[in-house]
Amino acid sequence: MELLNSSVEQLVTEIIAVNHAWKEAQDLFDRADNHLANSLRDLKARLQVRLLRSYAPELVYLTIDTDSDRDYDEPLYGLRLVKSVNGRQDAAHMPIRIAKENLSAAELQHFVQS
């Protein structure tokens, strides 16, 4: 059952790949009913939740993204890695709204670091 026991490296690699594909799908099919982009966005969130539930807070944690250079519509968490994976220090962003929809209050309290 390797699928259920993915390593942190495997999950981070999948999250980054899906995140890139999601952004490309948004650019290719620029319309509100972009089913491919929406599916990829949802898959990324599910993979991020799986990463957090499997490896937080020892190997990954949530932190509020305070990068003022970014122009996003809503507040975001960054999934920060304790040790880099393939040169990456993070596993992309997750809107705080999505985190609250998919994680319990206890999980959020356990996973968020300031």
PDB file of N, CA and C in Angstrom:
ATOM      1  N   MET A   1       0.813  -1.184   0.000  1.00  0.00           N
ATOM      2  CA  MET A   1       0.000   0.000   0.000  1.00  0.00           C
ATOM      3  C   MET A   1       0.860   1.252   0.000  1.00  0.00           C
ATOM      4  N   GLU A   2       1.796   1.354  -0.905  1.00  0.00           N
ATOM      5  CA  GLU A   2       2.675   2.516  -0.985  1.00  0.00           C
ATOM      6  C   GLU A   2       1.887   3.793  -1.222  1.00  0.00           C
ATOM      7  N   LEU A   3       0.766   3.703  -1.917  1.00  0.00           N
ATOM      8  CA  LEU A   3      -0.057   4.869  -2.189  1.00  0.00           C
ATOM      9  C   LEU A   3      -0.512   5.540  -0.900  1.00  0.00           C
ATOM     10  N   LEU A   4      -0.852   4.757   0.094  1.00  0.00           N
ATOM     11  CA  LEU A   4      -1.329   5.300   1.356  1.00  0.00           C
ATOM     12  C   LEU A   4      -0.197   5.751   2.270  1.00  0.00           C
ATOM     13  N   ASN A   5       1.015   5.301   2.015  1.00  0.00           N
ATOM     14  CA  ASN A   5       2.153   5.624   2.860  1.00  0.00           C
ATOM     15  C   ASN A   5       3.204   6.412   2.085  1.00  0.00           C
ATOM     16  N   SER A   6       2.791   7.437   1.371  1.00  0.00           N
ATOM     17  CA  SER A   6       3.722   8.236   0.587  1.00  0.00           C
ATOM     18  C   SER A   6       4.689   8.964   1.506  1.00  0.00           C
ATOM     19  N   SER A   7       5.920   9.071   1.051  1.00  0.00           N
ATOM     20  CA  SER A   7       6.916   9.808   1.814  1.00  0.00           C
ATOM     21  C   SER A   7       6.651  11.299   1.696  1.00  0.00           C
ATOM     22  N   VAL A   8       7.244  12.058   2.586  1.00  0.00           N
ATOM     23  CA  VAL A   8       7.108  13.509   2.526  1.00  0.00           C
ATOM     24  C   VAL A   8       7.649  14.023   1.191  1.00  0.00           C
ATOM     25  N   GLU A   9       8.733  13.443   0.722  1.00  0.00           N
ATOM     26  CA  GLU A   9       9.307  13.855  -0.560  1.00  0.00           C
ATOM     27  C   GLU A   9       8.348  13.609  -1.715  1.00  0.00           C
ATOM     28  N   GLN A  10       7.704  12.444  -1.704  1.00  0.00           N
ATOM     29  CA  GLN A  10       6.755  12.108  -2.762  1.00  0.00           C
ATOM     30  C   GLN A  10       5.558  13.058  -2.741  1.00  0.00           C
ATOM     31  N   LEU A  11       5.012  13.315  -1.571  1.00  0.00           N
ATOM     32  CA  LEU A  11       3.858  14.209  -1.474  1.00  0.00           C
ATOM     33  C   LEU A  11       4.215  15.627  -1.906  1.00  0.00           C
ATOM     34  N   VAL A  12       5.366  16.129  -1.492  1.00  0.00           N
ATOM     35  CA  VAL A  12       5.783  17.476  -1.894  1.00  0.00           C
ATOM     36  C   VAL A  12       5.958  17.538  -3.408  1.00  0.00           C
ATOM     37  N   THR A  13       6.567  16.536  -3.985  1.00  0.00           N
ATOM     38  CA  THR A  13       6.748  16.486  -5.438  1.00  0.00           C
ATOM     39  C   THR A  13       5.401  16.501  -6.155  1.00  0.00           C
ATOM     40  N   GLU A  14       4.444  15.729  -5.661  1.00  0.00           N
ATOM     41  CA  GLU A  14       3.111  15.695  -6.261  1.00  0.00           C
ATOM     42  C   GLU A  14       2.404  17.038  -6.110  1.00  0.00           C
ATOM     43  N   ILE A  15       2.496  17.652  -4.945  1.00  0.00           N
ATOM     44  CA  ILE A  15       1.852  18.950  -4.708  1.00  0.00           C
ATOM     45  C   ILE A  15       2.403  19.996  -5.666  1.00  0.00           C
ATOM     46  N   ILE A  16       3.703  20.040  -5.820  1.00  0.00           N
ATOM     47  CA  ILE A  16       4.324  21.037  -6.703  1.00  0.00           C
ATOM     48  C   ILE A  16       3.920  20.785  -8.153  1.00  0.00           C
ATOM     49  N   ALA A  17       3.908  19.532  -8.577  1.00  0.00           N
ATOM     50  CA  ALA A  17       3.517  19.210  -9.954  1.00  0.00           C
ATOM     51  C   ALA A  17       2.061  19.590 -10.214  1.00  0.00           C
ATOM     52  N   VAL A  18       1.178  19.254  -9.282  1.00  0.00           N
ATOM     53  CA  VAL A  18      -0.243  19.586  -9.446  1.00  0.00           C
ATOM     54  C   VAL A  18      -0.437  21.101  -9.414  1.00  0.00           C
ATOM     55  N   ASN A  19       0.292  21.789  -8.556  1.00  0.00           N
ATOM     56  CA  ASN A  19       0.194  23.243  -8.484  1.00  0.00           C
ATOM     57  C   ASN A  19       0.582  23.891  -9.813  1.00  0.00           C
ATOM     58  N   HIS A  20       1.658  23.406 -10.426  1.00  0.00           N
ATOM     59  CA  HIS A  20       2.081  23.928 -11.738  1.00  0.00           C
ATOM     60  C   HIS A  20       1.032  23.627 -12.802  1.00  0.00           C
ATOM     61  N   ALA A  21       0.503  22.412 -12.787  1.00  0.00           N
ATOM     62  CA  ALA A  21      -0.523  22.036 -13.770  1.00  0.00           C
ATOM     63  C   ALA A  21      -1.780  22.876 -13.587  1.00  0.00           C
ATOM     64  N   TRP A  22      -2.157  23.153 -12.345  1.00  0.00           N
ATOM     65  CA  TRP A  22      -3.326  23.984 -12.052  1.00  0.00           C
ATOM     66  C   TRP A  22      -3.148  25.383 -12.634  1.00  0.00           C
ATOM     67  N   LYS A  23      -1.969  25.963 -12.435  1.00  0.00           N
ATOM     68  CA  LYS A  23      -1.709  27.313 -12.957  1.00  0.00           C
ATOM     69  C   LYS A  23      -1.734  27.323 -14.485  1.00  0.00           C
ATOM     70  N   GLU A  24      -1.200  26.294 -15.099  1.00  0.00           N
ATOM     71  CA  GLU A  24      -1.228  26.201 -16.564  1.00  0.00           C
ATOM     72  C   GLU A  24      -2.663  26.054 -17.071  1.00  0.00           C
ATOM     73  N   ALA A  25      -3.446  25.227 -16.393  1.00  0.00           N
ATOM     74  CA  ALA A  25      -4.841  25.041 -16.796  1.00  0.00           C
ATOM     75  C   ALA A  25      -5.624  26.340 -16.658  1.00  0.00           C
ATOM     76  N   GLN A  26      -5.325  27.124 -15.639  1.00  0.00           N
ATOM     77  CA  GLN A  26      -5.978  28.428 -15.481  1.00  0.00           C
ATOM     78  C   GLN A  26      -5.650  29.334 -16.669  1.00  0.00           C
ATOM     79  N   ASP A  27      -4.399  29.319 -17.087  1.00  0.00           N
ATOM     80  CA  ASP A  27      -3.967  30.176 -18.202  1.00  0.00           C
ATOM     81  C   ASP A  27      -4.526  29.690 -19.539  1.00  0.00           C
ATOM     82  N   LEU A  28      -4.569  28.377 -19.726  1.00  0.00           N
ATOM     83  CA  LEU A  28      -5.033  27.824 -20.994  1.00  0.00           C
ATOM     84  C   LEU A  28      -6.527  27.986 -21.199  1.00  0.00           C
ATOM     85  N   PHE A  29      -7.273  27.794 -20.139  1.00  0.00           N
ATOM     86  CA  PHE A  29      -8.726  27.825 -20.216  1.00  0.00           C
ATOM     87  C   PHE A  29      -9.249  28.905 -19.281  1.00  0.00           C
ATOM     88  N   ASP A  30      -9.126  30.138 -19.680  1.00  0.00           N
ATOM     89  CA  ASP A  30      -9.451  31.278 -18.835  1.00  0.00           C
ATOM     90  C   ASP A  30     -10.951  31.546 -18.843  1.00  0.00           C
ATOM     91  N   ARG A  31     -11.673  30.764 -18.030  1.00  0.00           N
ATOM     92  CA  ARG A  31     -13.104  30.980 -17.883  1.00  0.00           C
ATOM     93  C   ARG A  31     -13.546  30.453 -16.517  1.00  0.00           C
ATOM     94  N   ALA A  32     -14.676  30.925 -16.064  1.00  0.00           N
ATOM     95  CA  ALA A  32     -15.142  30.624 -14.709  1.00  0.00           C
ATOM     96  C   ALA A  32     -15.447  29.143 -14.497  1.00  0.00           C
ATOM     97  N   ASP A  33     -15.906  28.461 -15.541  1.00  0.00           N
ATOM     98  CA  ASP A  33     -16.281  27.049 -15.392  1.00  0.00           C
ATOM     99  C   ASP A  33     -15.151  26.123 -15.837  1.00  0.00           C
ATOM    100  N   ASN A  34     -13.934  26.460 -15.469  1.00  0.00           N
ATOM    101  CA  ASN A  34     -12.746  25.707 -15.848  1.00  0.00           C
ATOM    102  C   ASN A  34     -12.655  24.452 -14.971  1.00  0.00           C
ATOM    103  N   HIS A  35     -13.295  23.386 -15.435  1.00  0.00           N
ATOM    104  CA  HIS A  35     -13.383  22.157 -14.641  1.00  0.00           C
ATOM    105  C   HIS A  35     -12.015  21.532 -14.386  1.00  0.00           C
ATOM    106  N   LEU A  36     -11.126  21.561 -15.368  1.00  0.00           N
ATOM    107  CA  LEU A  36      -9.792  20.989 -15.183  1.00  0.00           C
ATOM    108  C   LEU A  36      -9.036  21.761 -14.106  1.00  0.00           C
ATOM    109  N   ALA A  37      -9.022  23.071 -14.193  1.00  0.00           N
ATOM    110  CA  ALA A  37      -8.316  23.882 -13.193  1.00  0.00           C
ATOM    111  C   ALA A  37      -8.922  23.669 -11.809  1.00  0.00           C
ATOM    112  N   ASN A  38     -10.236  23.634 -11.725  1.00  0.00           N
ATOM    113  CA  ASN A  38     -10.893  23.426 -10.434  1.00  0.00           C
ATOM    114  C   ASN A  38     -10.553  22.051  -9.849  1.00  0.00           C
ATOM    115  N   SER A  39     -10.507  21.036 -10.678  1.00  0.00           N
ATOM    116  CA  SER A  39     -10.157  19.689 -10.215  1.00  0.00           C
ATOM    117  C   SER A  39      -8.718  19.638  -9.716  1.00  0.00           C
ATOM    118  N   LEU A  40      -7.821  20.286 -10.441  1.00  0.00           N
ATOM    119  CA  LEU A  40      -6.414  20.320 -10.025  1.00  0.00           C
ATOM    120  C   LEU A  40      -6.247  21.100  -8.724  1.00  0.00           C
ATOM    121  N   ARG A  41      -6.957  22.210  -8.576  1.00  0.00           N
ATOM    122  CA  ARG A  41      -6.914  23.000  -7.346  1.00  0.00           C
ATOM    123  C   ARG A  41      -7.367  22.147  -6.161  1.00  0.00           C
ATOM    124  N   ASP A  42      -8.461  21.409  -6.346  1.00  0.00           N
ATOM    125  CA  ASP A  42      -8.990  20.567  -5.275  1.00  0.00           C
ATOM    126  C   ASP A  42      -8.040  19.412  -4.947  1.00  0.00           C
ATOM    127  N   LEU A  43      -7.416  18.832  -5.972  1.00  0.00           N
ATOM    128  CA  LEU A  43      -6.439  17.759  -5.761  1.00  0.00           C
ATOM    129  C   LEU A  43      -5.254  18.277  -4.966  1.00  0.00           C
ATOM    130  N   LYS A  44      -4.762  19.471  -5.305  1.00  0.00           N
ATOM    131  CA  LYS A  44      -3.654  20.061  -4.564  1.00  0.00           C
ATOM    132  C   LYS A  44      -4.017  20.202  -3.090  1.00  0.00           C
ATOM    133  N   ALA A  45      -5.194  20.695  -2.800  1.00  0.00           N
ATOM    134  CA  ALA A  45      -5.624  20.867  -1.405  1.00  0.00           C
ATOM    135  C   ALA A  45      -5.689  19.523  -0.685  1.00  0.00           C
ATOM    136  N   ARG A  46      -6.213  18.500  -1.347  1.00  0.00           N
ATOM    137  CA  ARG A  46      -6.297  17.175  -0.719  1.00  0.00           C
ATOM    138  C   ARG A  46      -4.903  16.612  -0.428  1.00  0.00           C
ATOM    139  N   LEU A  47      -3.971  16.806  -1.353  1.00  0.00           N
ATOM    140  CA  LEU A  47      -2.594  16.355  -1.130  1.00  0.00           C
ATOM    141  C   LEU A  47      -1.947  17.126   0.019  1.00  0.00           C
ATOM    142  N   GLN A  48      -2.210  18.419   0.101  1.00  0.00           N
ATOM    143  CA  GLN A  48      -1.651  19.220   1.184  1.00  0.00           C
ATOM    144  C   GLN A  48      -2.210  18.779   2.537  1.00  0.00           C
ATOM    145  N   VAL A  49      -3.496  18.500   2.594  1.00  0.00           N
ATOM    146  CA  VAL A  49      -4.105  18.015   3.833  1.00  0.00           C
ATOM    147  C   VAL A  49      -3.477  16.683   4.225  1.00  0.00           C
ATOM    148  N   ARG A  50      -3.275  15.826   3.254  1.00  0.00           N
ATOM    149  CA  ARG A  50      -2.645  14.524   3.525  1.00  0.00           C
ATOM    150  C   ARG A  50      -1.220  14.696   4.049  1.00  0.00           C
ATOM    151  N   LEU A  51      -0.476  15.627   3.444  1.00  0.00           N
ATOM    152  CA  LEU A  51       0.885  15.913   3.904  1.00  0.00           C
ATOM    153  C   LEU A  51       0.865  16.390   5.357  1.00  0.00           C
ATOM    154  N   LEU A  52      -0.032  17.316   5.657  1.00  0.00           N
ATOM    155  CA  LEU A  52      -0.115  17.841   7.021  1.00  0.00           C
ATOM    156  C   LEU A  52      -0.510  16.752   8.016  1.00  0.00           C
ATOM    157  N   ARG A  53      -1.520  15.991   7.692  1.00  0.00           N
ATOM    158  CA  ARG A  53      -1.989  14.958   8.624  1.00  0.00           C
ATOM    159  C   ARG A  53      -0.949  13.858   8.825  1.00  0.00           C
ATOM    160  N   SER A  54      -0.130  13.622   7.821  1.00  0.00           N
ATOM    161  CA  SER A  54       0.876  12.567   7.916  1.00  0.00           C
ATOM    162  C   SER A  54       2.172  13.033   8.568  1.00  0.00           C
ATOM    163  N   TYR A  55       2.539  14.301   8.372  1.00  0.00           N
ATOM    164  CA  TYR A  55       3.887  14.719   8.754  1.00  0.00           C
ATOM    165  C   TYR A  55       3.985  15.988   9.599  1.00  0.00           C
ATOM    166  N   ALA A  56       2.875  16.644   9.914  1.00  0.00           N
ATOM    167  CA  ALA A  56       2.953  17.863  10.729  1.00  0.00           C
ATOM    168  C   ALA A  56       2.880  17.488  12.204  1.00  0.00           C
ATOM    169  N   PRO A  57       3.487  18.255  13.032  1.00  0.00           N
ATOM    170  CA  PRO A  57       4.340  19.412  12.774  1.00  0.00           C
ATOM    171  C   PRO A  57       5.825  19.076  12.703  1.00  0.00           C
ATOM    172  N   GLU A  58       6.169  17.788  12.722  1.00  0.00           N
ATOM    173  CA  GLU A  58       7.586  17.403  12.755  1.00  0.00           C
ATOM    174  C   GLU A  58       8.334  17.762  11.472  1.00  0.00           C
ATOM    175  N   LEU A  59       7.690  17.566  10.294  1.00  0.00           N
ATOM    176  CA  LEU A  59       8.374  17.793   9.022  1.00  0.00           C
ATOM    177  C   LEU A  59       7.787  18.920   8.186  1.00  0.00           C
ATOM    178  N   VAL A  60       6.564  19.313   8.493  1.00  0.00           N
ATOM    179  CA  VAL A  60       5.895  20.388   7.752  1.00  0.00           C
ATOM    180  C   VAL A  60       4.947  21.091   8.715  1.00  0.00           C
ATOM    181  N   TYR A  61       4.758  22.385   8.502  1.00  0.00           N
ATOM    182  CA  TYR A  61       3.842  23.136   9.351  1.00  0.00           C
ATOM    183  C   TYR A  61       3.222  24.270   8.541  1.00  0.00           C
ATOM    184  N   LEU A  62       2.144  24.814   9.071  1.00  0.00           N
ATOM    185  CA  LEU A  62       1.479  25.952   8.431  1.00  0.00           C
ATOM    186  C   LEU A  62       1.958  27.247   9.061  1.00  0.00           C
ATOM    187  N   THR A  63       2.121  28.256   8.240  1.00  0.00           N
ATOM    188  CA  THR A  63       2.418  29.591   8.725  1.00  0.00           C
ATOM    189  C   THR A  63       1.674  30.587   7.842  1.00  0.00           C
ATOM    190  N   ILE A  64       1.181  31.644   8.443  1.00  0.00           N
ATOM    191  CA  ILE A  64       0.464  32.654   7.663  1.00  0.00           C
ATOM    192  C   ILE A  64       1.449  33.334   6.728  1.00  0.00           C
ATOM    193  N   ASP A  65       1.092  33.417   5.458  1.00  0.00           N
ATOM    194  CA  ASP A  65       1.956  34.058   4.465  1.00  0.00           C
ATOM    195  C   ASP A  65       1.832  35.570   4.624  1.00  0.00           C
ATOM    196  N   THR A  66       2.934  36.204   4.932  1.00  0.00           N
ATOM    197  CA  THR A  66       2.935  37.656   5.126  1.00  0.00           C
ATOM    198  C   THR A  66       3.739  38.369   4.060  1.00  0.00           C
ATOM    199  N   ASP A  67       4.029  37.690   2.966  1.00  0.00           N
ATOM    200  CA  ASP A  67       4.811  38.285   1.881  1.00  0.00           C
ATOM    201  C   ASP A  67       3.979  39.366   1.212  1.00  0.00           C
ATOM    202  N   SER A  68       4.333  40.601   1.459  1.00  0.00           N
ATOM    203  CA  SER A  68       3.546  41.727   0.940  1.00  0.00           C
ATOM    204  C   SER A  68       3.692  41.895  -0.567  1.00  0.00           C
ATOM    205  N   ASP A  69       4.653  41.219  -1.181  1.00  0.00           N
ATOM    206  CA  ASP A  69       4.833  41.317  -2.629  1.00  0.00           C
ATOM    207  C   ASP A  69       3.791  40.514  -3.399  1.00  0.00           C
ATOM    208  N   ARG A  70       3.122  39.616  -2.711  1.00  0.00           N
ATOM    209  CA  ARG A  70       2.128  38.770  -3.372  1.00  0.00           C
ATOM    210  C   ARG A  70       0.790  39.491  -3.418  1.00  0.00           C
ATOM    211  N   ASP A  71       0.084  39.309  -4.512  1.00  0.00           N
ATOM    212  CA  ASP A  71      -1.214  39.958  -4.682  1.00  0.00           C
ATOM    213  C   ASP A  71      -2.288  38.883  -4.810  1.00  0.00           C
ATOM    214  N   TYR A  72      -2.787  38.403  -3.671  1.00  0.00           N
ATOM    215  CA  TYR A  72      -3.807  37.364  -3.662  1.00  0.00           C
ATOM    216  C   TYR A  72      -5.119  37.934  -3.161  1.00  0.00           C
ATOM    217  N   ASP A  73      -6.200  37.279  -3.539  1.00  0.00           N
ATOM    218  CA  ASP A  73      -7.534  37.737  -3.170  1.00  0.00           C
ATOM    219  C   ASP A  73      -7.898  37.431  -1.721  1.00  0.00           C
ATOM    220  N   GLU A  74      -7.196  36.502  -1.097  1.00  0.00           N
ATOM    221  CA  GLU A  74      -7.552  36.088   0.250  1.00  0.00           C
ATOM    222  C   GLU A  74      -6.294  35.702   1.019  1.00  0.00           C
ATOM    223  N   PRO A  75      -6.385  35.674   2.354  1.00  0.00           N
ATOM    224  CA  PRO A  75      -5.212  35.301   3.153  1.00  0.00           C
ATOM    225  C   PRO A  75      -4.820  33.844   2.926  1.00  0.00           C
ATOM    226  N   LEU A  76      -3.517  33.592   3.003  1.00  0.00           N
ATOM    227  CA  LEU A  76      -2.976  32.269   2.704  1.00  0.00           C
ATOM    228  C   LEU A  76      -2.109  31.748   3.831  1.00  0.00           C
ATOM    229  N   TYR A  77      -2.082  30.423   3.935  1.00  0.00           N
ATOM    230  CA  TYR A  77      -1.062  29.732   4.711  1.00  0.00           C
ATOM    231  C   TYR A  77       0.013  29.285   3.740  1.00  0.00           C
ATOM    232  N   GLY A  78       1.233  29.253   4.212  1.00  0.00           N
ATOM    233  CA  GLY A  78       2.307  28.584   3.502  1.00  0.00           C
ATOM    234  C   GLY A  78       2.559  27.263   4.198  1.00  0.00           C
ATOM    235  N   LEU A  79       2.763  26.205   3.445  1.00  0.00           N
ATOM    236  CA  LEU A  79       3.140  24.919   4.021  1.00  0.00           C
ATOM    237  C   LEU A  79       4.663  24.873   4.016  1.00  0.00           C
ATOM    238  N   ARG A  80       5.268  25.144   5.143  1.00  0.00           N
ATOM    239  CA  ARG A  80       6.716  25.236   5.263  1.00  0.00           C
ATOM    240  C   ARG A  80       7.297  23.888   5.646  1.00  0.00           C
ATOM    241  N   LEU A  81       8.393  23.551   5.007  1.00  0.00           N
ATOM    242  CA  LEU A  81       9.080  22.295   5.284  1.00  0.00           C
ATOM    243  C   LEU A  81      10.195  22.532   6.293  1.00  0.00           C
ATOM    244  N   VAL A  82      10.335  21.646   7.264  1.00  0.00           N
ATOM    245  CA  VAL A  82      11.402  21.752   8.252  1.00  0.00           C
ATOM    246  C   VAL A  82      12.747  21.544   7.578  1.00  0.00           C
ATOM    247  N   LYS A  83      12.820  20.577   6.675  1.00  0.00           N
ATOM    248  CA  LYS A  83      14.022  20.326   5.866  1.00  0.00           C
ATOM    249  C   LYS A  83      13.617  20.430   4.410  1.00  0.00           C
ATOM    250  N   SER A  84      14.487  21.008   3.601  1.00  0.00           N
ATOM    251  CA  SER A  84      14.145  21.188   2.185  1.00  0.00           C
ATOM    252  C   SER A  84      13.973  19.848   1.488  1.00  0.00           C
ATOM    253  N   VAL A  85      13.118  19.856   0.485  1.00  0.00           N
ATOM    254  CA  VAL A  85      12.858  18.687  -0.352  1.00  0.00           C
ATOM    255  C   VAL A  85      13.139  19.115  -1.783  1.00  0.00           C
ATOM    256  N   ASN A  86      14.120  18.500  -2.392  1.00  0.00           N
ATOM    257  CA  ASN A  86      14.513  18.843  -3.762  1.00  0.00           C
ATOM    258  C   ASN A  86      14.747  20.348  -3.912  1.00  0.00           C
ATOM    259  N   GLY A  87      15.369  20.942  -2.904  1.00  0.00           N
ATOM    260  CA  GLY A  87      15.682  22.362  -2.936  1.00  0.00           C
ATOM    261  C   GLY A  87      14.532  23.281  -2.570  1.00  0.00           C
ATOM    262  N   ARG A  88      13.395  22.731  -2.244  1.00  0.00           N
ATOM    263  CA  ARG A  88      12.221  23.552  -1.882  1.00  0.00           C
ATOM    264  C   ARG A  88      12.104  23.640  -0.369  1.00  0.00           C
ATOM    265  N   GLN A  89      11.666  24.800   0.094  1.00  0.00           N
ATOM    266  CA  GLN A  89      11.431  25.027   1.515  1.00  0.00           C
ATOM    267  C   GLN A  89       9.943  25.014   1.854  1.00  0.00           C
ATOM    268  N   ASP A  90       9.095  24.821   0.830  1.00  0.00           N
ATOM    269  CA  ASP A  90       7.655  24.877   1.054  1.00  0.00           C
ATOM    270  C   ASP A  90       6.939  23.890   0.137  1.00  0.00           C
ATOM    271  N   ALA A  91       5.665  23.682   0.452  1.00  0.00           N
ATOM    272  CA  ALA A  91       4.798  22.824  -0.372  1.00  0.00           C
ATOM    273  C   ALA A  91       3.602  23.644  -0.833  1.00  0.00           C
ATOM    274  N   ALA A  92       3.889  24.815  -1.398  1.00  0.00           N
ATOM    275  CA  ALA A  92       2.896  25.722  -1.982  1.00  0.00           C
ATOM    276  C   ALA A  92       2.045  26.396  -0.901  1.00  0.00           C
ATOM    277  N   HIS A  93       1.071  27.152  -1.350  1.00  0.00           N
ATOM    278  CA  HIS A  93       0.172  27.886  -0.459  1.00  0.00           C
ATOM    279  C   HIS A  93      -1.186  27.211  -0.396  1.00  0.00           C
ATOM    280  N   MET A  94      -1.880  27.504   0.693  1.00  0.00           N
ATOM    281  CA  MET A  94      -3.247  27.037   0.860  1.00  0.00           C
ATOM    282  C   MET A  94      -4.052  28.208   1.421  1.00  0.00           C
ATOM    283  N   PRO A  95      -5.133  28.573   0.775  1.00  0.00           N
ATOM    284  CA  PRO A  95      -5.976  29.623   1.360  1.00  0.00           C
ATOM    285  C   PRO A  95      -6.440  29.222   2.767  1.00  0.00           C
ATOM    286  N   ILE A  96      -6.439  30.175   3.679  1.00  0.00           N
ATOM    287  CA  ILE A  96      -6.868  29.903   5.046  1.00  0.00           C
ATOM    288  C   ILE A  96      -8.292  29.356   5.046  1.00  0.00           C
ATOM    289  N   ARG A  97      -9.124  29.853   4.160  1.00  0.00           N
ATOM    290  CA  ARG A  97     -10.511  29.377   4.030  1.00  0.00           C
ATOM    291  C   ARG A  97     -10.535  27.870   3.740  1.00  0.00           C
ATOM    292  N   ILE A  98      -9.689  27.414   2.843  1.00  0.00           N
ATOM    293  CA  ILE A  98      -9.632  25.985   2.479  1.00  0.00           C
ATOM    294  C   ILE A  98      -9.126  25.161   3.660  1.00  0.00           C
ATOM    295  N   ALA A  99      -8.133  25.680   4.372  1.00  0.00           N
ATOM    296  CA  ALA A  99      -7.620  24.976   5.546  1.00  0.00           C
ATOM    297  C   ALA A  99      -8.731  24.796   6.577  1.00  0.00           C
ATOM    298  N   LYS A 100      -9.521  25.845   6.803  1.00  0.00           N
ATOM    299  CA  LYS A 100     -10.606  25.769   7.781  1.00  0.00           C
ATOM    300  C   LYS A 100     -11.707  24.817   7.337  1.00  0.00           C
ATOM    301  N   GLU A 101     -11.911  24.680   6.028  1.00  0.00           N
ATOM    302  CA  GLU A 101     -12.922  23.754   5.508  1.00  0.00           C
ATOM    303  C   GLU A 101     -12.488  22.294   5.615  1.00  0.00           C
ATOM    304  N   ASN A 102     -11.176  22.052   5.580  1.00  0.00           N
ATOM    305  CA  ASN A 102     -10.664  20.687   5.490  1.00  0.00           C
ATOM    306  C   ASN A 102      -9.982  20.162   6.749  1.00  0.00           C
ATOM    307  N   LEU A 103      -9.658  21.053   7.670  1.00  0.00           N
ATOM    308  CA  LEU A 103      -8.963  20.651   8.885  1.00  0.00           C
ATOM    309  C   LEU A 103      -9.797  21.063  10.100  1.00  0.00           C
ATOM    310  N   SER A 104      -9.740  20.266  11.133  1.00  0.00           N
ATOM    311  CA  SER A 104     -10.456  20.613  12.366  1.00  0.00           C
ATOM    312  C   SER A 104      -9.731  21.755  13.076  1.00  0.00           C
ATOM    313  N   ALA A 105     -10.426  22.382  14.004  1.00  0.00           N
ATOM    314  CA  ALA A 105      -9.809  23.451  14.796  1.00  0.00           C
ATOM    315  C   ALA A 105      -8.604  22.916  15.568  1.00  0.00           C
ATOM    316  N   ALA A 106      -8.713  21.697  16.071  1.00  0.00           N
ATOM    317  CA  ALA A 106      -7.597  21.086  16.808  1.00  0.00           C
ATOM    318  C   ALA A 106      -6.405  20.845  15.882  1.00  0.00           C
ATOM    319  N   GLU A 107      -6.678  20.385  14.658  1.00  0.00           N
ATOM    320  CA  GLU A 107      -5.585  20.174  13.708  1.00  0.00           C
ATOM    321  C   GLU A 107      -4.911  21.504  13.370  1.00  0.00           C
ATOM    322  N   LEU A 108      -5.708  22.525  13.110  1.00  0.00           N
ATOM    323  CA  LEU A 108      -5.128  23.832  12.802  1.00  0.00           C
ATOM    324  C   LEU A 108      -4.254  24.323  13.946  1.00  0.00           C
ATOM    325  N   GLN A 109      -4.733  24.189  15.152  1.00  0.00           N
ATOM    326  CA  GLN A 109      -3.952  24.623  16.308  1.00  0.00           C
ATOM    327  C   GLN A 109      -2.630  23.852  16.382  1.00  0.00           C
ATOM    328  N   HIS A 110      -2.671  22.580  16.050  1.00  0.00           N
ATOM    329  CA  HIS A 110      -1.483  21.720  16.100  1.00  0.00           C
ATOM    330  C   HIS A 110      -0.512  22.008  14.954  1.00  0.00           C
ATOM    331  N   PHE A 111      -1.040  22.369  13.784  1.00  0.00           N
ATOM    332  CA  PHE A 111      -0.211  22.514  12.585  1.00  0.00           C
ATOM    333  C   PHE A 111       0.347  23.920  12.381  1.00  0.00           C
ATOM    334  N   VAL A 112      -0.308  24.954  12.949  1.00  0.00           N
ATOM    335  CA  VAL A 112       0.101  26.340  12.687  1.00  0.00           C
ATOM    336  C   VAL A 112       1.203  26.760  13.648  1.00  0.00           C
ATOM    337  N   GLN A 113       2.249  27.318  13.060  1.00  0.00           N
ATOM    338  CA  GLN A 113       3.336  27.922  13.844  1.00  0.00           C
ATOM    339  C   GLN A 113       3.500  29.356  13.385  1.00  0.00           C
ATOM    340  N   SER A 114       3.850  30.226  14.317  1.00  0.00           N
ATOM    341  CA  SER A 114       4.031  31.630  13.929  1.00  0.00           C
ATOM    342  C   SER A 114       5.481  31.957  13.666  1.00  0.00           C
TER     343      SER A 114
END
